[in-house]
Amino acid sequence: MALAGEVVGEEVTTDEIASAAGVSKRTFFRYFASKEAVVVRFLTDLGAGIHRELAARPAGERPSLALRSVLSGPLAACADHSDRALRVVRLILRTPALHARLLERQGRWREGLAAELARRPDLGPDHELYPEPAAGMALTAFNTVLHRWSDSDGTADPEALTEQAFALIAPALDGTRRQT
């Protein structure tokens, strides 16, 4: 285990992570063995929450609306905690090892979202092919918003960016619904 203040790879120190998380170095090491452990835990919890929220959405709701709703929550939370969230998001996006963890976890999120989408009753004839690309499009929109918000130094509105991103992909997400 690295010592507090020691560089733990990719030029990011545990001091920076503890500071970004708003905890002391001592608290950091009480709960986490490494910076990757922090990211994995956070992303695992975030993915589980997104999946639970999608499962709770009305079954007949347009997929674009359901996905936008569940993914906009974490993005809005970034805006609510702008300074701290911006430091954490930048740390993840700009540190190759941490960014790899994000992408790895999002692969699992995609599987969970796809499984949930497959349970929806109003999918059209392309039902078997639909869920995984739909989940992938939604997560690509999520990532785009996260990058744009981070690149704007937290000044861009995640809600407006999410609306724009989902407006672009909504026709593809909703186009496979069975017409009733």
C-alpha atoms as a PDB file:
ATOM      1  CA  MET A   1       0.000   0.000   0.000  1.00  0.00           C
ATOM      2  CA  ALA A   2       1.254   3.459  -0.872  1.00  0.00           C
ATOM      3  CA  LEU A   3       1.877   5.968   1.857  1.00  0.00           C
ATOM      4  CA  ALA A   4      -0.186   9.134   2.045  1.00  0.00           C
ATOM      5  CA  GLY A   5       1.266  11.674  -0.320  1.00  0.00           C
ATOM      6  CA  GLU A   6       3.155   9.038  -2.299  1.00  0.00           C
ATOM      7  CA  VAL A   7       2.448   8.932  -5.997  1.00  0.00           C
ATOM      8  CA  VAL A   8       0.373   5.828  -6.662  1.00  0.00           C
ATOM      9  CA  GLY A   9       0.656   5.755 -10.430  1.00  0.00           C
ATOM     10  CA  GLU A  10      -0.259   8.021 -13.307  1.00  0.00           C
ATOM     11  CA  GLU A  11       1.024  11.017 -11.310  1.00  0.00           C
ATOM     12  CA  VAL A  12      -2.051  11.108  -9.057  1.00  0.00           C
ATOM     13  CA  THR A  13      -1.355  11.026  -5.349  1.00  0.00           C
ATOM     14  CA  THR A  14      -3.479   9.549  -2.633  1.00  0.00           C
ATOM     15  CA  ASP A  15      -3.439  13.048  -1.107  1.00  0.00           C
ATOM     16  CA  GLU A  16      -5.236  14.327  -4.197  1.00  0.00           C
ATOM     17  CA  ILE A  17      -7.804  11.566  -4.052  1.00  0.00           C
ATOM     18  CA  ALA A  18      -8.467  12.073  -0.350  1.00  0.00           C
ATOM     19  CA  SER A  19      -8.768  15.811  -0.924  1.00  0.00           C
ATOM     20  CA  ALA A  20     -11.095  15.343  -3.895  1.00  0.00           C
ATOM     21  CA  ALA A  21     -13.251  12.992  -1.835  1.00  0.00           C
ATOM     22  CA  GLY A  22     -13.292  15.417   1.083  1.00  0.00           C
ATOM     23  CA  VAL A  23     -11.765  12.985   3.585  1.00  0.00           C
ATOM     24  CA  SER A  24      -8.526  12.868   5.531  1.00  0.00           C
ATOM     25  CA  LYS A  25      -5.656  10.672   4.388  1.00  0.00           C
ATOM     26  CA  ARG A  26      -6.117   8.551   7.485  1.00  0.00           C
ATOM     27  CA  THR A  27      -9.794   7.996   6.679  1.00  0.00           C
ATOM     28  CA  PHE A  28      -8.917   7.190   3.086  1.00  0.00           C
ATOM     29  CA  PHE A  29      -6.572   4.369   4.122  1.00  0.00           C
ATOM     30  CA  ARG A  30      -9.007   3.063   6.710  1.00  0.00           C
ATOM     31  CA  TYR A  31     -11.466   2.257   3.937  1.00  0.00           C
ATOM     32  CA  PHE A  32      -9.445   1.829   0.746  1.00  0.00           C
ATOM     33  CA  ALA A  33      -6.233   0.021  -0.136  1.00  0.00           C
ATOM     34  CA  SER A  34      -5.662   1.991  -3.344  1.00  0.00           C
ATOM     35  CA  LYS A  35      -7.059   4.698  -5.593  1.00  0.00           C
ATOM     36  CA  GLU A  36      -8.436   2.049  -7.928  1.00  0.00           C
ATOM     37  CA  ALA A  37     -10.404   0.598  -5.004  1.00  0.00           C
ATOM     38  CA  VAL A  38     -12.090   3.969  -4.488  1.00  0.00           C
ATOM     39  CA  VAL A  39     -13.099   4.219  -8.127  1.00  0.00           C
ATOM     40  CA  VAL A  40     -14.273   0.616  -8.361  1.00  0.00           C
ATOM     41  CA  ARG A  41     -16.413   0.957  -5.237  1.00  0.00           C
ATOM     42  CA  PHE A  42     -17.918   4.263  -6.358  1.00  0.00           C
ATOM     43  CA  LEU A  43     -18.622   3.020  -9.889  1.00  0.00           C
ATOM     44  CA  THR A  44     -20.049  -0.281  -8.670  1.00  0.00           C
ATOM     45  CA  ASP A  45     -22.455   1.550  -6.376  1.00  0.00           C
ATOM     46  CA  LEU A  46     -23.351   4.031  -9.110  1.00  0.00           C
ATOM     47  CA  GLY A  47     -24.078   1.242 -11.604  1.00  0.00           C
ATOM     48  CA  ALA A  48     -26.242  -0.643  -9.131  1.00  0.00           C
ATOM     49  CA  GLY A  49     -28.233   2.515  -8.452  1.00  0.00           C
ATOM     50  CA  ILE A  50     -28.762   3.201 -12.146  1.00  0.00           C
ATOM     51  CA  HIS A  51     -29.953  -0.356 -12.718  1.00  0.00           C
ATOM     52  CA  ARG A  52     -32.368  -0.198  -9.762  1.00  0.00           C
ATOM     53  CA  GLU A  53     -33.764   3.098 -10.992  1.00  0.00           C
ATOM     54  CA  LEU A  54     -34.343   1.753 -14.516  1.00  0.00           C
ATOM     55  CA  ALA A  55     -36.105  -1.299 -13.082  1.00  0.00           C
ATOM     56  CA  ALA A  56     -38.404   1.022 -11.128  1.00  0.00           C
ATOM     57  CA  ARG A  57     -39.388   3.131 -14.153  1.00  0.00           C
ATOM     58  CA  PRO A  58     -42.835   2.515 -15.706  1.00  0.00           C
ATOM     59  CA  ALA A  59     -42.687  -0.413 -18.139  1.00  0.00           C
ATOM     60  CA  GLY A  60     -44.505   1.489 -20.899  1.00  0.00           C
ATOM     61  CA  GLU A  61     -42.281   4.562 -20.688  1.00  0.00           C
ATOM     62  CA  ARG A  62     -40.322   5.477 -23.815  1.00  0.00           C
ATOM     63  CA  PRO A  63     -36.817   3.983 -23.521  1.00  0.00           C
ATOM     64  CA  SER A  64     -35.207   7.348 -24.260  1.00  0.00           C
ATOM     65  CA  LEU A  65     -37.066   8.967 -21.367  1.00  0.00           C
ATOM     66  CA  ALA A  66     -36.366   6.095 -18.967  1.00  0.00           C
ATOM     67  CA  LEU A  67     -32.649   6.002 -19.783  1.00  0.00           C
ATOM     68  CA  ARG A  68     -32.291   9.783 -19.744  1.00  0.00           C
ATOM     69  CA  SER A  69     -33.992   9.915 -16.355  1.00  0.00           C
ATOM     70  CA  VAL A  70     -31.762   7.321 -14.700  1.00  0.00           C
ATOM     71  CA  LEU A  71     -28.524   8.678 -16.172  1.00  0.00           C
ATOM     72  CA  SER A  72     -29.302  12.333 -15.543  1.00  0.00           C
ATOM     73  CA  GLY A  73     -29.345  11.801 -11.770  1.00  0.00           C
ATOM     74  CA  PRO A  74     -25.615  11.172 -11.379  1.00  0.00           C
ATOM     75  CA  LEU A  75     -24.866  14.013 -13.791  1.00  0.00           C
ATOM     76  CA  ALA A  76     -27.067  16.409 -11.825  1.00  0.00           C
ATOM     77  CA  ALA A  77     -25.279  15.312  -8.645  1.00  0.00           C
ATOM     78  CA  CYS A  78     -22.034  16.469 -10.253  1.00  0.00           C
ATOM     79  CA  ALA A  79     -23.497  19.934 -10.688  1.00  0.00           C
ATOM     80  CA  ASP A  80     -24.834  19.927  -7.118  1.00  0.00           C
ATOM     81  CA  HIS A  81     -21.340  19.233  -5.761  1.00  0.00           C
ATOM     82  CA  SER A  82     -19.484  21.044  -8.498  1.00  0.00           C
ATOM     83  CA  ASP A  83     -16.042  21.685  -7.000  1.00  0.00           C
ATOM     84  CA  ARG A  84     -15.559  18.299  -5.384  1.00  0.00           C
ATOM     85  CA  ALA A  85     -17.247  16.382  -8.202  1.00  0.00           C
ATOM     86  CA  LEU A  86     -15.211  18.198 -10.835  1.00  0.00           C
ATOM     87  CA  ARG A  87     -11.960  17.193  -9.112  1.00  0.00           C
ATOM     88  CA  VAL A  88     -13.065  13.562  -8.877  1.00  0.00           C
ATOM     89  CA  VAL A  89     -14.373  13.402 -12.444  1.00  0.00           C
ATOM     90  CA  ARG A  90     -11.195  14.977 -13.814  1.00  0.00           C
ATOM     91  CA  LEU A  91      -9.102  12.564 -11.792  1.00  0.00           C
ATOM     92  CA  ILE A  92     -10.981   9.623 -13.294  1.00  0.00           C
ATOM     93  CA  LEU A  93     -11.066  10.942 -16.861  1.00  0.00           C
ATOM     94  CA  ARG A  94      -7.442  12.117 -16.938  1.00  0.00           C
ATOM     95  CA  THR A  95      -5.814   9.147 -15.222  1.00  0.00           C
ATOM     96  CA  PRO A  96      -5.517   6.244 -17.679  1.00  0.00           C
ATOM     97  CA  ALA A  97      -5.778   3.524 -15.018  1.00  0.00           C
ATOM     98  CA  LEU A  98      -8.848   5.141 -13.448  1.00  0.00           C
ATOM     99  CA  HIS A  99     -10.445   5.851 -16.810  1.00  0.00           C
ATOM    100  CA  ALA A 100      -9.948   2.186 -17.694  1.00  0.00           C
ATOM    101  CA  ARG A 101     -11.800   1.257 -14.494  1.00  0.00           C
ATOM    102  CA  LEU A 102     -14.663   3.560 -15.493  1.00  0.00           C
ATOM    103  CA  LEU A 103     -14.941   1.919 -18.900  1.00  0.00           C
ATOM    104  CA  GLU A 104     -14.693  -1.555 -17.370  1.00  0.00           C
ATOM    105  CA  ARG A 105     -17.516  -0.830 -14.942  1.00  0.00           C
ATOM    106  CA  GLN A 106     -19.607   0.771 -17.642  1.00  0.00           C
ATOM    107  CA  GLY A 107     -19.414  -2.520 -19.516  1.00  0.00           C
ATOM    108  CA  ARG A 108     -21.186  -4.065 -16.545  1.00  0.00           C
ATOM    109  CA  TRP A 109     -23.650  -1.181 -16.406  1.00  0.00           C
ATOM    110  CA  ARG A 110     -24.422  -1.791 -20.085  1.00  0.00           C
ATOM    111  CA  GLU A 111     -25.173  -5.451 -19.367  1.00  0.00           C
ATOM    112  CA  GLY A 112     -27.533  -4.526 -16.534  1.00  0.00           C
ATOM    113  CA  LEU A 113     -29.291  -1.803 -18.502  1.00  0.00           C
ATOM    114  CA  ALA A 114     -29.627  -4.108 -21.521  1.00  0.00           C
ATOM    115  CA  ALA A 115     -31.135  -6.858 -19.378  1.00  0.00           C
ATOM    116  CA  GLU A 116     -33.628  -4.398 -17.941  1.00  0.00           C
ATOM    117  CA  LEU A 117     -34.518  -3.024 -21.382  1.00  0.00           C
ATOM    118  CA  ALA A 118     -35.098  -6.583 -22.628  1.00  0.00           C
ATOM    119  CA  ARG A 119     -37.808  -6.997 -19.971  1.00  0.00           C
ATOM    120  CA  ARG A 120     -39.848  -4.110 -21.326  1.00  0.00           C
ATOM    121  CA  PRO A 121     -43.064  -5.298 -22.958  1.00  0.00           C
ATOM    122  CA  ASP A 122     -43.399  -2.841 -25.837  1.00  0.00           C
ATOM    123  CA  LEU A 123     -40.315  -3.592 -27.887  1.00  0.00           C
ATOM    124  CA  GLY A 124     -40.872  -4.236 -31.561  1.00  0.00           C
ATOM    125  CA  PRO A 125     -39.632  -7.005 -33.854  1.00  0.00           C
ATOM    126  CA  ASP A 126     -35.927  -6.167 -33.361  1.00  0.00           C
ATOM    127  CA  HIS A 127     -36.289  -6.980 -29.679  1.00  0.00           C
ATOM    128  CA  GLU A 128     -33.367  -9.387 -29.419  1.00  0.00           C
ATOM    129  CA  LEU A 129     -30.858  -7.035 -31.016  1.00  0.00           C
ATOM    130  CA  TYR A 130     -32.151  -3.838 -29.421  1.00  0.00           C
ATOM    131  CA  PRO A 131     -31.198  -3.842 -25.701  1.00  0.00           C
ATOM    132  CA  GLU A 132     -27.400  -3.866 -25.854  1.00  0.00           C
ATOM    133  CA  PRO A 133     -26.967  -1.157 -28.528  1.00  0.00           C
ATOM    134  CA  ALA A 134     -29.623   0.950 -26.784  1.00  0.00           C
ATOM    135  CA  ALA A 135     -27.806   0.695 -23.452  1.00  0.00           C
ATOM    136  CA  GLY A 136     -24.530   1.466 -25.231  1.00  0.00           C
ATOM    137  CA  MET A 137     -25.964   4.586 -26.879  1.00  0.00           C
ATOM    138  CA  ALA A 138     -27.286   5.832 -23.546  1.00  0.00           C
ATOM    139  CA  LEU A 139     -23.914   5.312 -21.855  1.00  0.00           C
ATOM    140  CA  THR A 140     -22.128   7.021 -24.741  1.00  0.00           C
ATOM    141  CA  ALA A 141     -24.411  10.005 -24.210  1.00  0.00           C
ATOM    142  CA  PHE A 142     -23.624   9.863 -20.471  1.00  0.00           C
ATOM    143  CA  ASN A 143     -19.876   9.841 -21.182  1.00  0.00           C
ATOM    144  CA  THR A 144     -20.166  12.698 -23.658  1.00  0.00           C
ATOM    145  CA  VAL A 145     -21.975  14.836 -21.087  1.00  0.00           C
ATOM    146  CA  LEU A 146     -19.445  13.928 -18.396  1.00  0.00           C
ATOM    147  CA  HIS A 147     -16.536  14.935 -20.656  1.00  0.00           C
ATOM    148  CA  ARG A 148     -18.208  18.167 -21.800  1.00  0.00           C
ATOM    149  CA  TRP A 149     -19.053  19.145 -18.228  1.00  0.00           C
ATOM    150  CA  SER A 150     -15.500  18.400 -17.078  1.00  0.00           C
ATOM    151  CA  ASP A 151     -13.936  20.243 -20.034  1.00  0.00           C
ATOM    152  CA  SER A 152     -16.072  23.303 -19.247  1.00  0.00           C
ATOM    153  CA  ASP A 153     -14.588  23.537 -15.739  1.00  0.00           C
ATOM    154  CA  GLY A 154     -18.024  22.659 -14.404  1.00  0.00           C
ATOM    155  CA  THR A 155     -19.728  25.663 -15.963  1.00  0.00           C
ATOM    156  CA  ALA A 156     -21.789  23.740 -18.525  1.00  0.00           C
ATOM    157  CA  ASP A 157     -25.210  22.628 -17.320  1.00  0.00           C
ATOM    158  CA  PRO A 158     -25.291  18.800 -17.162  1.00  0.00           C
ATOM    159  CA  GLU A 159     -29.080  18.817 -17.437  1.00  0.00           C
ATOM    160  CA  ALA A 160     -29.029  20.844 -20.649  1.00  0.00           C
ATOM    161  CA  LEU A 161     -26.214  18.694 -22.060  1.00  0.00           C
ATOM    162  CA  THR A 162     -28.146  15.533 -21.174  1.00  0.00           C
ATOM    163  CA  GLU A 163     -31.270  16.873 -22.867  1.00  0.00           C
ATOM    164  CA  GLN A 164     -29.263  17.675 -26.017  1.00  0.00           C
ATOM    165  CA  ALA A 165     -27.540  14.301 -26.094  1.00  0.00           C
ATOM    166  CA  PHE A 166     -30.739  12.331 -25.596  1.00  0.00           C
ATOM    167  CA  ALA A 167     -32.621  14.436 -28.143  1.00  0.00           C
ATOM    168  CA  LEU A 168     -30.064  13.202 -30.681  1.00  0.00           C
ATOM    169  CA  ILE A 169     -30.397   9.525 -29.819  1.00  0.00           C
ATOM    170  CA  ALA A 170     -34.091   9.392 -28.864  1.00  0.00           C
ATOM    171  CA  PRO A 171     -35.273   8.477 -32.390  1.00  0.00           C
ATOM    172  CA  ALA A 172     -33.016   5.417 -32.398  1.00  0.00           C
ATOM    173  CA  LEU A 173     -33.903   4.460 -28.827  1.00  0.00           C
ATOM    174  CA  ASP A 174     -37.639   4.820 -29.361  1.00  0.00           C
ATOM    175  CA  GLY A 175     -37.861   3.684 -32.995  1.00  0.00           C
ATOM    176  CA  THR A 176     -38.025  -0.016 -32.140  1.00  0.00           C
ATOM    177  CA  ARG A 177     -41.125   0.266 -29.987  1.00  0.00           C
ATOM    178  CA  ARG A 178     -44.117  -1.700 -31.067  1.00  0.00           C
ATOM    179  CA  GLN A 179     -46.641   0.674 -32.598  1.00  0.00           C
ATOM    180  CA  THR A 180     -49.996   0.322 -30.848  1.00  0.00           C
END
